[in-house]
Amino acid sequence: MAVDARARQGDAHARQLAGLDALELTVRRRRGPASRLWSGTWPIASAVALVLVVWQLVVLAGWWPEYVFAGPAETFAVLGERLGDGEFYTAVAVTMRRAVAGFALAIAAGLVAGALVSRIRPLRRAVGALITGLQTMPSIAWFPLAILLFGLTESAIMFVVVLGAAPSIANGLIAGVDYTPPILLRAGHMLGLRRLRLYRHVILPASLPSFLAGLKQGWAFAWRSLMAGELLVIIANQPSLGEQLHFARELADSAGLLATMIVILVVGVVVDMLFGAADTALRRRWGLHQAAD
């Protein structure tokens, strides 16, 4: 009797484990490209439509005159005109060049600072809190010093962009290093990896999720710092999106102002989508991505 009871209990456990394995190994039905495109497009389209409706309702309410707050029709008409103007693309190119160059410098500075602070304890005690303090400091507060140091030049803008983005990137790397599993470090030591090789083959790959989050946050700070800089530092013969904002405000050109803001918003959304794609690829490589139903 006891043997039969144990056998039945074993069979029950086997069935339970088989059920769990079946749940774990079930391959979800993959949707077609059109279905995936629609599922990714309709929330964005709905949000845009809602914003346009609210925008038009505010204009119709008449709280501000049209030259102060233009409606969607007038704004998109001006945006269409600018899309056919070569100077608009020159301004976008100048702004993006500054953004990419400043962000690249910030990545280099953040990598060096994060790598040193995360592995050298005395240095971490000395400047770890300072990096967080720099991250929380408004970038606009750096511009008086930047203008004193570099004058009304592009160097002043780049200085603030780097200071705005580098602390977030460094903190992202530091957080990733802190949460690197010790077993990976021990495995690296057993394989003879030390210092730079340990960073390259073990620590950096393990800290990629946190580092990518730091990069995304650093880009947001860099983009905001750049827009503030281009509003404050107007350089002759170098049109930019910030310069267009400045002159639209000076001339009370509400439609032009809002059109430029839409362009700035679209650039931010596109870059966020790129970071989202990188995050999805990273999670898929690590086996953390789940296919949608």
C-alpha atoms as a PDB file:
ATOM      1  CA  MET A   1       0.000   0.000   0.000  1.00  0.00           C
ATOM      2  CA  ALA A   2       2.770   2.401   0.939  1.00  0.00           C
ATOM      3  CA  VAL A   3       4.576   1.646  -2.302  1.00  0.00           C
ATOM      4  CA  ASP A   4       1.423   2.305  -4.362  1.00  0.00           C
ATOM      5  CA  ALA A   5       0.822   5.611  -2.538  1.00  0.00           C
ATOM      6  CA  ARG A   6       4.367   6.786  -3.235  1.00  0.00           C
ATOM      7  CA  ALA A   7       4.015   5.733  -6.870  1.00  0.00           C
ATOM      8  CA  ARG A   8       0.782   7.674  -7.274  1.00  0.00           C
ATOM      9  CA  GLN A   9       2.369  10.704  -5.585  1.00  0.00           C
ATOM     10  CA  GLY A  10       5.337  10.473  -7.925  1.00  0.00           C
ATOM     11  CA  ASP A  11       3.028  10.284 -10.947  1.00  0.00           C
ATOM     12  CA  ALA A  12       1.169  13.386  -9.736  1.00  0.00           C
ATOM     13  CA  HIS A  13       4.428  15.307  -9.347  1.00  0.00           C
ATOM     14  CA  ALA A  14       5.525  14.206 -12.807  1.00  0.00           C
ATOM     15  CA  ARG A  15       2.269  15.459 -14.345  1.00  0.00           C
ATOM     16  CA  GLN A  16       2.634  18.795 -12.552  1.00  0.00           C
ATOM     17  CA  LEU A  17       6.186  19.224 -13.799  1.00  0.00           C
ATOM     18  CA  ALA A  18       5.129  18.243 -17.307  1.00  0.00           C
ATOM     19  CA  GLY A  19       2.383  20.872 -17.178  1.00  0.00           C
ATOM     20  CA  LEU A  20       4.845  23.544 -16.100  1.00  0.00           C
ATOM     21  CA  ASP A  21       7.245  22.530 -18.858  1.00  0.00           C
ATOM     22  CA  ALA A  22       4.429  22.740 -21.381  1.00  0.00           C
ATOM     23  CA  LEU A  23       3.560  26.245 -20.207  1.00  0.00           C
ATOM     24  CA  GLU A  24       7.189  27.288 -20.357  1.00  0.00           C
ATOM     25  CA  LEU A  25       7.873  25.831 -23.789  1.00  0.00           C
ATOM     26  CA  THR A  26       4.653  26.929 -25.470  1.00  0.00           C
ATOM     27  CA  VAL A  27       5.485  28.982 -28.522  1.00  0.00           C
ATOM     28  CA  ARG A  28       3.219  31.959 -28.856  1.00  0.00           C
ATOM     29  CA  ARG A  29       1.605  32.643 -32.184  1.00  0.00           C
ATOM     30  CA  ARG A  30       3.572  35.347 -33.967  1.00  0.00           C
ATOM     31  CA  ARG A  31       1.577  38.124 -35.571  1.00  0.00           C
ATOM     32  CA  GLY A  32       2.098  39.373 -39.089  1.00  0.00           C
ATOM     33  CA  PRO A  33       3.976  42.613 -39.945  1.00  0.00           C
ATOM     34  CA  ALA A  34       0.738  44.515 -40.624  1.00  0.00           C
ATOM     35  CA  SER A  35      -0.689  43.565 -37.226  1.00  0.00           C
ATOM     36  CA  ARG A  36       2.517  44.561 -35.413  1.00  0.00           C
ATOM     37  CA  LEU A  37       2.633  47.859 -37.314  1.00  0.00           C
ATOM     38  CA  TRP A  38      -0.963  48.640 -36.405  1.00  0.00           C
ATOM     39  CA  SER A  39      -0.483  47.759 -32.730  1.00  0.00           C
ATOM     40  CA  GLY A  40       2.484  50.117 -32.575  1.00  0.00           C
ATOM     41  CA  THR A  41       0.869  52.920 -34.568  1.00  0.00           C
ATOM     42  CA  TRP A  42      -2.644  53.322 -33.235  1.00  0.00           C
ATOM     43  CA  PRO A  43      -1.712  54.412 -29.670  1.00  0.00           C
ATOM     44  CA  ILE A  44       0.576  57.124 -31.076  1.00  0.00           C
ATOM     45  CA  ALA A  45      -2.032  58.205 -33.640  1.00  0.00           C
ATOM     46  CA  SER A  46      -4.697  58.358 -30.938  1.00  0.00           C
ATOM     47  CA  ALA A  47      -2.495  60.475 -28.684  1.00  0.00           C
ATOM     48  CA  VAL A  48      -1.668  62.884 -31.535  1.00  0.00           C
ATOM     49  CA  ALA A  49      -5.344  63.203 -32.476  1.00  0.00           C
ATOM     50  CA  LEU A  50      -6.274  63.937 -28.857  1.00  0.00           C
ATOM     51  CA  VAL A  51      -3.594  66.623 -28.586  1.00  0.00           C
ATOM     52  CA  LEU A  52      -4.773  68.261 -31.819  1.00  0.00           C
ATOM     53  CA  VAL A  53      -8.395  68.282 -30.633  1.00  0.00           C
ATOM     54  CA  VAL A  54      -7.478  69.835 -27.277  1.00  0.00           C
ATOM     55  CA  TRP A  55      -5.183  72.323 -29.018  1.00  0.00           C
ATOM     56  CA  GLN A  56      -7.970  73.438 -31.384  1.00  0.00           C
ATOM     57  CA  LEU A  57     -10.456  73.697 -28.526  1.00  0.00           C
ATOM     58  CA  VAL A  58      -8.091  75.970 -26.595  1.00  0.00           C
ATOM     59  CA  VAL A  59      -7.708  78.174 -29.682  1.00  0.00           C
ATOM     60  CA  LEU A  60     -11.480  78.328 -30.178  1.00  0.00           C
ATOM     61  CA  ALA A  61     -11.922  79.280 -26.512  1.00  0.00           C
ATOM     62  CA  GLY A  62     -10.180  82.562 -27.342  1.00  0.00           C
ATOM     63  CA  TRP A  63      -8.096  82.773 -24.166  1.00  0.00           C
ATOM     64  CA  TRP A  64      -5.176  84.249 -26.154  1.00  0.00           C
ATOM     65  CA  PRO A  65      -5.091  86.150 -29.458  1.00  0.00           C
ATOM     66  CA  GLU A  66      -4.035  84.153 -32.518  1.00  0.00           C
ATOM     67  CA  TYR A  67      -0.645  85.877 -32.809  1.00  0.00           C
ATOM     68  CA  VAL A  68       0.152  84.635 -29.295  1.00  0.00           C
ATOM     69  CA  PHE A  69      -1.209  81.092 -29.609  1.00  0.00           C
ATOM     70  CA  ALA A  70      -1.733  79.938 -33.200  1.00  0.00           C
ATOM     71  CA  GLY A  71      -3.995  77.052 -34.136  1.00  0.00           C
ATOM     72  CA  PRO A  72      -2.981  73.693 -35.609  1.00  0.00           C
ATOM     73  CA  ALA A  73      -3.914  74.650 -39.196  1.00  0.00           C
ATOM     74  CA  GLU A  74      -1.755  77.788 -39.240  1.00  0.00           C
ATOM     75  CA  THR A  75       1.109  76.051 -37.435  1.00  0.00           C
ATOM     76  CA  PHE A  76       1.249  73.088 -39.817  1.00  0.00           C
ATOM     77  CA  ALA A  77       1.001  75.459 -42.781  1.00  0.00           C
ATOM     78  CA  VAL A  78       4.131  77.259 -41.558  1.00  0.00           C
ATOM     79  CA  LEU A  79       5.806  73.902 -40.875  1.00  0.00           C
ATOM     80  CA  GLY A  80       5.049  72.814 -44.441  1.00  0.00           C
ATOM     81  CA  GLU A  81       6.633  76.003 -45.793  1.00  0.00           C
ATOM     82  CA  ARG A  82       9.745  75.421 -43.723  1.00  0.00           C
ATOM     83  CA  LEU A  83      10.054  71.855 -44.964  1.00  0.00           C
ATOM     84  CA  GLY A  84      10.523  73.331 -48.424  1.00  0.00           C
ATOM     85  CA  ASP A  85      13.171  75.828 -47.272  1.00  0.00           C
ATOM     86  CA  GLY A  86      16.856  74.914 -47.413  1.00  0.00           C
ATOM     87  CA  GLU A  87      17.688  77.073 -44.398  1.00  0.00           C
ATOM     88  CA  PHE A  88      15.443  74.881 -42.232  1.00  0.00           C
ATOM     89  CA  TYR A  89      17.505  71.791 -43.037  1.00  0.00           C
ATOM     90  CA  THR A  90      20.706  73.732 -42.385  1.00  0.00           C
ATOM     91  CA  ALA A  91      19.372  74.650 -38.936  1.00  0.00           C
ATOM     92  CA  VAL A  92      18.439  71.025 -38.204  1.00  0.00           C
ATOM     93  CA  ALA A  93      21.882  69.850 -39.379  1.00  0.00           C
ATOM     94  CA  VAL A  94      23.704  72.372 -37.151  1.00  0.00           C
ATOM     95  CA  THR A  95      21.628  71.416 -34.123  1.00  0.00           C
ATOM     96  CA  MET A  96      22.059  67.672 -34.694  1.00  0.00           C
ATOM     97  CA  ARG A  97      25.800  68.078 -35.246  1.00  0.00           C
ATOM     98  CA  ARG A  98      26.100  69.828 -31.899  1.00  0.00           C
ATOM     99  CA  ALA A  99      23.893  67.215 -30.245  1.00  0.00           C
ATOM    100  CA  VAL A 100      25.868  64.241 -31.582  1.00  0.00           C
ATOM    101  CA  ALA A 101      29.264  65.797 -30.868  1.00  0.00           C
ATOM    102  CA  GLY A 102      28.285  66.868 -27.343  1.00  0.00           C
ATOM    103  CA  PHE A 103      26.686  63.521 -26.570  1.00  0.00           C
ATOM    104  CA  ALA A 104      29.766  61.654 -27.832  1.00  0.00           C
ATOM    105  CA  LEU A 105      32.019  63.735 -25.572  1.00  0.00           C
ATOM    106  CA  ALA A 106      29.620  63.136 -22.676  1.00  0.00           C
ATOM    107  CA  ILE A 107      29.732  59.360 -23.283  1.00  0.00           C
ATOM    108  CA  ALA A 108      33.538  59.411 -23.221  1.00  0.00           C
ATOM    109  CA  ALA A 109      33.629  61.502 -20.037  1.00  0.00           C
ATOM    110  CA  GLY A 110      30.889  59.441 -18.380  1.00  0.00           C
ATOM    111  CA  LEU A 111      32.610  56.153 -19.225  1.00  0.00           C
ATOM    112  CA  VAL A 112      35.923  57.259 -17.770  1.00  0.00           C
ATOM    113  CA  ALA A 113      34.371  58.781 -14.649  1.00  0.00           C
ATOM    114  CA  GLY A 114      32.002  55.848 -14.086  1.00  0.00           C
ATOM    115  CA  ALA A 115      34.720  53.220 -14.581  1.00  0.00           C
ATOM    116  CA  LEU A 116      37.095  54.922 -12.165  1.00  0.00           C
ATOM    117  CA  VAL A 117      34.541  55.756  -9.478  1.00  0.00           C
ATOM    118  CA  SER A 118      32.908  52.319  -9.564  1.00  0.00           C
ATOM    119  CA  ARG A 119      36.169  50.429  -8.968  1.00  0.00           C
ATOM    120  CA  ILE A 120      38.264  52.774  -6.804  1.00  0.00           C
ATOM    121  CA  ARG A 121      36.682  53.027  -3.357  1.00  0.00           C
ATOM    122  CA  PRO A 122      38.528  56.152  -2.100  1.00  0.00           C
ATOM    123  CA  LEU A 123      37.620  57.979  -5.291  1.00  0.00           C
ATOM    124  CA  ARG A 124      34.002  56.897  -4.912  1.00  0.00           C
ATOM    125  CA  ARG A 125      33.845  58.235  -1.366  1.00  0.00           C
ATOM    126  CA  ALA A 126      35.395  61.481  -2.574  1.00  0.00           C
ATOM    127  CA  VAL A 127      33.358  62.279  -5.690  1.00  0.00           C
ATOM    128  CA  GLY A 128      30.478  59.766  -5.828  1.00  0.00           C
ATOM    129  CA  ALA A 129      28.009  62.176  -4.250  1.00  0.00           C
ATOM    130  CA  LEU A 130      29.399  65.020  -6.377  1.00  0.00           C
ATOM    131  CA  ILE A 131      28.435  63.197  -9.587  1.00  0.00           C
ATOM    132  CA  THR A 132      24.863  62.829  -8.345  1.00  0.00           C
ATOM    133  CA  GLY A 133      24.852  66.495  -7.357  1.00  0.00           C
ATOM    134  CA  LEU A 134      25.994  67.504 -10.839  1.00  0.00           C
ATOM    135  CA  GLN A 135      23.240  65.334 -12.333  1.00  0.00           C
ATOM    136  CA  THR A 136      20.538  67.147 -10.368  1.00  0.00           C
ATOM    137  CA  MET A 137      21.926  70.622 -11.107  1.00  0.00           C
ATOM    138  CA  PRO A 138      19.887  72.507 -13.748  1.00  0.00           C
ATOM    139  CA  SER A 139      21.927  72.872 -16.919  1.00  0.00           C
ATOM    140  CA  ILE A 140      20.783  76.477 -17.367  1.00  0.00           C
ATOM    141  CA  ALA A 141      22.753  77.345 -14.209  1.00  0.00           C
ATOM    142  CA  TRP A 142      26.012  76.505 -16.010  1.00  0.00           C
ATOM    143  CA  PHE A 143      25.562  79.019 -18.822  1.00  0.00           C
ATOM    144  CA  PRO A 144      26.722  82.166 -17.012  1.00  0.00           C
ATOM    145  CA  LEU A 145      29.998  80.391 -16.196  1.00  0.00           C
ATOM    146  CA  ALA A 146      30.241  78.897 -19.689  1.00  0.00           C
ATOM    147  CA  ILE A 147      29.766  82.313 -21.321  1.00  0.00           C
ATOM    148  CA  LEU A 148      32.388  83.836 -19.025  1.00  0.00           C
ATOM    149  CA  LEU A 149      34.856  81.060 -19.886  1.00  0.00           C
ATOM    150  CA  PHE A 150      34.229  80.695 -23.625  1.00  0.00           C
ATOM    151  CA  GLY A 151      32.207  83.762 -24.632  1.00  0.00           C
ATOM    152  CA  LEU A 152      29.256  83.554 -27.001  1.00  0.00           C
ATOM    153  CA  THR A 153      30.732  80.618 -28.928  1.00  0.00           C
ATOM    154  CA  GLU A 154      29.811  77.044 -29.700  1.00  0.00           C
ATOM    155  CA  SER A 155      32.304  75.906 -27.058  1.00  0.00           C
ATOM    156  CA  ALA A 156      30.053  77.391 -24.370  1.00  0.00           C
ATOM    157  CA  ILE A 157      27.131  75.317 -25.643  1.00  0.00           C
ATOM    158  CA  MET A 158      29.210  72.119 -25.826  1.00  0.00           C
ATOM    159  CA  PHE A 159      30.548  72.711 -22.319  1.00  0.00           C
ATOM    160  CA  VAL A 160      27.054  72.755 -20.857  1.00  0.00           C
ATOM    161  CA  VAL A 161      25.856  69.814 -22.988  1.00  0.00           C
ATOM    162  CA  VAL A 162      28.691  67.631 -21.698  1.00  0.00           C
ATOM    163  CA  LEU A 163      28.156  68.695 -18.093  1.00  0.00           C
ATOM    164  CA  GLY A 164      24.440  68.035 -18.442  1.00  0.00           C
ATOM    165  CA  ALA A 165      24.763  64.514 -19.883  1.00  0.00           C
ATOM    166  CA  ALA A 166      27.977  63.010 -18.481  1.00  0.00           C
ATOM    167  CA  PRO A 167      26.820  62.588 -14.819  1.00  0.00           C
ATOM    168  CA  SER A 168      23.777  60.521 -15.875  1.00  0.00           C
ATOM    169  CA  ILE A 169      25.923  58.293 -18.071  1.00  0.00           C
ATOM    170  CA  ALA A 170      28.484  57.850 -15.284  1.00  0.00           C
ATOM    171  CA  ASN A 171      25.780  56.994 -12.742  1.00  0.00           C
ATOM    172  CA  GLY A 172      24.261  54.478 -15.148  1.00  0.00           C
ATOM    173  CA  LEU A 173      27.593  52.693 -15.465  1.00  0.00           C
ATOM    174  CA  ILE A 174      28.216  52.845 -11.708  1.00  0.00           C
ATOM    175  CA  ALA A 175      24.810  51.306 -11.009  1.00  0.00           C
ATOM    176  CA  GLY A 176      25.457  48.577 -13.556  1.00  0.00           C
ATOM    177  CA  VAL A 177      28.827  47.733 -12.026  1.00  0.00           C
ATOM    178  CA  ASP A 178      27.319  47.668  -8.523  1.00  0.00           C
ATOM    179  CA  TYR A 179      24.736  45.089  -9.611  1.00  0.00           C
ATOM    180  CA  THR A 180      27.168  42.863 -11.498  1.00  0.00           C
ATOM    181  CA  PRO A 181      26.758  39.356  -9.974  1.00  0.00           C
ATOM    182  CA  PRO A 182      29.873  38.477  -7.913  1.00  0.00           C
ATOM    183  CA  ILE A 183      29.913  35.018  -9.462  1.00  0.00           C
ATOM    184  CA  LEU A 184      30.671  36.601 -12.843  1.00  0.00           C
ATOM    185  CA  LEU A 185      33.588  38.511 -11.344  1.00  0.00           C
ATOM    186  CA  ARG A 186      34.943  35.341  -9.740  1.00  0.00           C
ATOM    187  CA  ALA A 187      34.564  33.493 -13.036  1.00  0.00           C
ATOM    188  CA  GLY A 188      36.481  36.249 -14.781  1.00  0.00           C
ATOM    189  CA  HIS A 189      39.270  36.057 -12.220  1.00  0.00           C
ATOM    190  CA  MET A 190      39.420  32.278 -12.629  1.00  0.00           C
ATOM    191  CA  LEU A 191      39.858  32.784 -16.383  1.00  0.00           C
ATOM    192  CA  GLY A 192      42.758  35.153 -15.747  1.00  0.00           C
ATOM    193  CA  LEU A 193      40.956  38.398 -16.580  1.00  0.00           C
ATOM    194  CA  ARG A 194      42.256  41.483 -14.790  1.00  0.00           C
ATOM    195  CA  ARG A 195      41.652  45.231 -14.956  1.00  0.00           C
ATOM    196  CA  LEU A 196      40.861  46.364 -18.525  1.00  0.00           C
ATOM    197  CA  ARG A 197      40.213  42.843 -19.807  1.00  0.00           C
ATOM    198  CA  LEU A 198      37.874  42.185 -16.865  1.00  0.00           C
ATOM    199  CA  TYR A 199      35.999  45.394 -17.684  1.00  0.00           C
ATOM    200  CA  ARG A 200      35.811  44.615 -21.373  1.00  0.00           C
ATOM    201  CA  HIS A 201      34.713  40.983 -21.167  1.00  0.00           C
ATOM    202  CA  VAL A 202      32.754  40.805 -17.886  1.00  0.00           C
ATOM    203  CA  ILE A 203      31.803  44.069 -16.202  1.00  0.00           C
ATOM    204  CA  LEU A 204      30.715  46.148 -19.199  1.00  0.00           C
ATOM    205  CA  PRO A 205      28.540  43.395 -20.759  1.00  0.00           C
ATOM    206  CA  ALA A 206      26.920  42.690 -17.374  1.00  0.00           C
ATOM    207  CA  SER A 207      26.213  46.379 -16.769  1.00  0.00           C
ATOM    208  CA  LEU A 208      24.765  47.064 -20.239  1.00  0.00           C
ATOM    209  CA  PRO A 209      21.079  47.386 -19.142  1.00  0.00           C
ATOM    210  CA  SER A 210      21.858  50.050 -16.524  1.00  0.00           C
ATOM    211  CA  PHE A 211      24.374  51.715 -18.811  1.00  0.00           C
ATOM    212  CA  LEU A 212      21.804  51.896 -21.627  1.00  0.00           C
ATOM    213  CA  ALA A 213      19.313  53.488 -19.222  1.00  0.00           C
ATOM    214  CA  GLY A 214      22.014  56.005 -18.275  1.00  0.00           C
ATOM    215  CA  LEU A 215      22.652  56.750 -21.947  1.00  0.00           C
ATOM    216  CA  LYS A 216      18.956  57.371 -22.541  1.00  0.00           C
ATOM    217  CA  GLN A 217      18.724  59.721 -19.571  1.00  0.00           C
ATOM    218  CA  GLY A 218      21.978  61.391 -20.589  1.00  0.00           C
ATOM    219  CA  TRP A 219      20.608  62.070 -24.068  1.00  0.00           C
ATOM    220  CA  ALA A 220      17.533  63.710 -22.552  1.00  0.00           C
ATOM    221  CA  PHE A 221      19.737  66.020 -20.459  1.00  0.00           C
ATOM    222  CA  ALA A 222      22.010  66.730 -23.439  1.00  0.00           C
ATOM    223  CA  TRP A 223      19.059  67.624 -25.703  1.00  0.00           C
ATOM    224  CA  ARG A 224      17.533  69.961 -23.125  1.00  0.00           C
ATOM    225  CA  SER A 225      20.897  71.584 -22.435  1.00  0.00           C
ATOM    226  CA  LEU A 226      21.472  72.091 -26.153  1.00  0.00           C
ATOM    227  CA  MET A 227      18.105  73.780 -26.662  1.00  0.00           C
ATOM    228  CA  ALA A 228      18.746  76.087 -23.711  1.00  0.00           C
ATOM    229  CA  GLY A 229      22.204  76.882 -25.071  1.00  0.00           C
ATOM    230  CA  GLU A 230      20.982  77.703 -28.558  1.00  0.00           C
ATOM    231  CA  LEU A 231      18.380  80.045 -27.098  1.00  0.00           C
ATOM    232  CA  LEU A 232      21.007  81.914 -25.074  1.00  0.00           C
ATOM    233  CA  VAL A 233      24.033  81.753 -27.378  1.00  0.00           C
ATOM    234  CA  ILE A 234      23.185  83.078 -30.839  1.00  0.00           C
ATOM    235  CA  ILE A 235      26.104  82.625 -33.244  1.00  0.00           C
ATOM    236  CA  ALA A 236      26.193  84.554 -36.521  1.00  0.00           C
ATOM    237  CA  ASN A 237      25.898  82.541 -39.741  1.00  0.00           C
ATOM    238  CA  GLN A 238      25.046  79.369 -37.827  1.00  0.00           C
ATOM    239  CA  PRO A 239      21.259  78.888 -37.985  1.00  0.00           C
ATOM    240  CA  SER A 240      19.861  76.382 -35.518  1.00  0.00           C
ATOM    241  CA  LEU A 241      16.551  75.250 -34.075  1.00  0.00           C
ATOM    242  CA  GLY A 242      17.211  77.213 -30.901  1.00  0.00           C
ATOM    243  CA  GLU A 243      17.936  80.331 -32.947  1.00  0.00           C
ATOM    244  CA  GLN A 244      14.629  79.880 -34.784  1.00  0.00           C
ATOM    245  CA  LEU A 245      12.849  79.656 -31.424  1.00  0.00           C
ATOM    246  CA  HIS A 246      14.590  82.834 -30.269  1.00  0.00           C
ATOM    247  CA  PHE A 247      13.660  84.925 -33.310  1.00  0.00           C
ATOM    248  CA  ALA A 248      10.103  83.554 -33.437  1.00  0.00           C
ATOM    249  CA  ARG A 249       9.641  84.746 -29.865  1.00  0.00           C
ATOM    250  CA  GLU A 250      11.198  88.146 -30.611  1.00  0.00           C
ATOM    251  CA  LEU A 251       8.904  88.631 -33.630  1.00  0.00           C
ATOM    252  CA  ALA A 252       5.795  87.258 -31.851  1.00  0.00           C
ATOM    253  CA  ASP A 253       5.560  84.582 -34.551  1.00  0.00           C
ATOM    254  CA  SER A 254       3.455  82.069 -32.665  1.00  0.00           C
ATOM    255  CA  ALA A 255       2.966  79.711 -35.630  1.00  0.00           C
ATOM    256  CA  GLY A 256       6.696  79.634 -36.366  1.00  0.00           C
ATOM    257  CA  LEU A 257       7.477  79.108 -32.695  1.00  0.00           C
ATOM    258  CA  LEU A 258       5.083  76.166 -32.392  1.00  0.00           C
ATOM    259  CA  ALA A 259       6.315  74.679 -35.691  1.00  0.00           C
ATOM    260  CA  THR A 260       9.891  74.674 -34.402  1.00  0.00           C
ATOM    261  CA  MET A 261       8.753  73.126 -31.121  1.00  0.00           C
ATOM    262  CA  ILE A 262       7.047  70.335 -33.080  1.00  0.00           C
ATOM    263  CA  VAL A 263      10.317  69.614 -34.914  1.00  0.00           C
ATOM    264  CA  ILE A 264      12.210  69.494 -31.614  1.00  0.00           C
ATOM    265  CA  LEU A 265       9.578  67.142 -30.196  1.00  0.00           C
ATOM    266  CA  VAL A 266       9.748  64.848 -33.232  1.00  0.00           C
ATOM    267  CA  VAL A 267      13.536  64.604 -32.967  1.00  0.00           C
ATOM    268  CA  GLY A 268      13.197  63.660 -29.301  1.00  0.00           C
ATOM    269  CA  VAL A 269      10.584  61.003 -30.085  1.00  0.00           C
ATOM    270  CA  VAL A 270      12.693  59.493 -32.886  1.00  0.00           C
ATOM    271  CA  VAL A 271      15.773  59.247 -30.661  1.00  0.00           C
ATOM    272  CA  ASP A 272      13.670  57.703 -27.892  1.00  0.00           C
ATOM    273  CA  MET A 273      12.440  55.095 -30.394  1.00  0.00           C
ATOM    274  CA  LEU A 274      16.049  54.285 -31.280  1.00  0.00           C
ATOM    275  CA  PHE A 275      16.896  53.754 -27.619  1.00  0.00           C
ATOM    276  CA  GLY A 276      13.761  51.627 -27.273  1.00  0.00           C
ATOM    277  CA  ALA A 277      14.861  49.460 -30.208  1.00  0.00           C
ATOM    278  CA  ALA A 278      18.307  49.045 -28.643  1.00  0.00           C
ATOM    279  CA  ASP A 279      16.731  48.071 -25.317  1.00  0.00           C
ATOM    280  CA  THR A 280      14.464  45.522 -27.030  1.00  0.00           C
ATOM    281  CA  ALA A 281      17.424  44.016 -28.891  1.00  0.00           C
ATOM    282  CA  LEU A 282      19.400  43.784 -25.653  1.00  0.00           C
ATOM    283  CA  ARG A 283      16.533  42.103 -23.776  1.00  0.00           C
ATOM    284  CA  ARG A 284      15.987  39.688 -26.650  1.00  0.00           C
ATOM    285  CA  ARG A 285      19.685  38.771 -26.633  1.00  0.00           C
ATOM    286  CA  TRP A 286      19.521  38.126 -22.898  1.00  0.00           C
ATOM    287  CA  GLY A 287      16.344  36.066 -23.246  1.00  0.00           C
ATOM    288  CA  LEU A 288      14.201  38.640 -21.401  1.00  0.00           C
ATOM    289  CA  HIS A 289      12.035  39.670 -24.340  1.00  0.00           C
ATOM    290  CA  GLN A 290       8.566  38.170 -24.539  1.00  0.00           C
ATOM    291  CA  ALA A 291       6.735  38.045 -27.813  1.00  0.00           C
ATOM    292  CA  ALA A 292       3.428  39.870 -27.869  1.00  0.00           C
ATOM    293  CA  ASP A 293       0.224  37.861 -28.040  1.00  0.00           C
END
